[in-house]
Protein backbone atom coordinates (compact mmCIF):
# COMPACT_ATOMS: atom_id res chain seq x y z
CA MET A 1 -169.11 187.99 -53.93
CA THR A 2 -172.59 187.87 -52.46
CA SER A 3 -174.02 190.96 -50.78
CA LEU A 4 -175.83 190.99 -47.47
CA ASN A 5 -179.55 190.22 -47.71
CA THR A 6 -181.44 192.35 -45.19
CA ARG A 7 -184.89 191.65 -46.62
CA PRO A 8 -187.17 189.28 -44.67
CA ASN A 9 -185.85 185.81 -45.53
CA ILE A 10 -186.84 183.40 -42.74
CA ASP A 11 -189.73 180.98 -43.19
CA GLY A 12 -192.03 181.36 -40.18
CA PRO A 13 -190.23 184.30 -38.56
CA ASP A 14 -192.53 184.27 -35.53
CA ASP A 15 -191.86 180.57 -34.97
CA PHE A 16 -188.11 181.16 -35.32
CA TYR A 17 -188.28 183.99 -32.77
CA ALA A 18 -190.20 181.77 -30.34
CA GLU A 19 -187.56 179.03 -30.76
CA LEU A 20 -184.79 181.55 -30.14
CA LEU A 21 -186.48 182.79 -26.97
CA ALA A 22 -187.07 179.21 -25.79
CA LEU A 23 -183.39 178.45 -26.32
CA HIS A 24 -182.54 181.13 -23.74
CA GLU A 25 -185.19 180.11 -21.23
CA GLY A 26 -183.76 179.49 -17.77
CA LEU A 27 -180.31 180.85 -18.63
CA SER A 28 -178.55 183.55 -16.67
CA LYS A 29 -177.55 186.76 -18.47
CA ALA A 30 -173.96 185.47 -18.78
CA GLU A 31 -175.12 182.10 -20.11
CA SER A 32 -177.47 183.80 -22.58
CA ASP A 33 -174.70 186.12 -23.77
CA ALA A 34 -172.36 183.15 -24.23
CA LEU A 35 -175.03 181.26 -26.17
CA ASN A 36 -175.55 184.28 -28.44
CA ALA A 37 -171.80 184.53 -29.04
CA ARG A 38 -171.58 180.83 -29.95
CA LEU A 39 -174.58 181.14 -32.27
CA ILE A 40 -173.06 184.19 -33.99
CA LEU A 41 -169.76 182.37 -34.56
CA ILE A 42 -171.49 179.24 -35.88
CA LEU A 43 -173.60 181.28 -38.31
CA ALA A 44 -170.59 183.40 -39.34
CA ASN A 45 -168.68 180.23 -40.13
CA HIS A 46 -171.64 178.98 -42.18
CA ILE A 47 -171.75 182.24 -44.17
CA GLY A 48 -167.99 182.24 -44.58
CA ASP A 49 -167.82 185.25 -46.92
CA ARG A 50 -165.79 187.94 -45.14
CA ASP A 51 -167.30 190.76 -47.21
CA VAL A 52 -170.83 189.68 -46.27
CA LEU A 53 -169.82 189.31 -42.63
CA ARG A 54 -168.28 192.80 -42.69
CA GLU A 55 -171.53 194.20 -44.17
CA ALA A 56 -173.50 192.45 -41.43
CA MET A 57 -171.27 193.87 -38.69
CA GLN A 58 -171.62 197.37 -40.12
CA ALA A 59 -175.40 197.00 -40.42
CA ALA A 60 -175.64 195.80 -36.81
CA ALA A 61 -173.51 198.72 -35.62
CA ARG A 62 -175.69 201.22 -37.49
CA ALA A 63 -178.88 199.64 -36.14
CA GLY A 64 -177.60 200.13 -32.60
CA GLU A 65 -176.79 203.83 -33.04
CA LYS A 66 -178.94 206.29 -31.18
CA PRO A 67 -180.68 208.89 -33.33
CA ALA A 68 -179.41 212.46 -32.96
CA SER A 69 -181.38 214.47 -30.43
CA ASN A 70 -183.23 217.57 -31.56
CA GLY A 71 -182.39 220.24 -29.10
């Protein structure tokens, strides 16, 4: 089993981000959401390892949690 790699691992991350933004250019919110869903499923299929995918889902859920308020 491979574990999830969360360290920076993309060659040219700024270029990748620009390509990702360009891919969504001119799309409606619904079209953009559908594109993201298709991309997620394609990449999940490429990864294929259910344990790694589960780790990724858990990491994404944690990243979206709001920090506890102080007071």
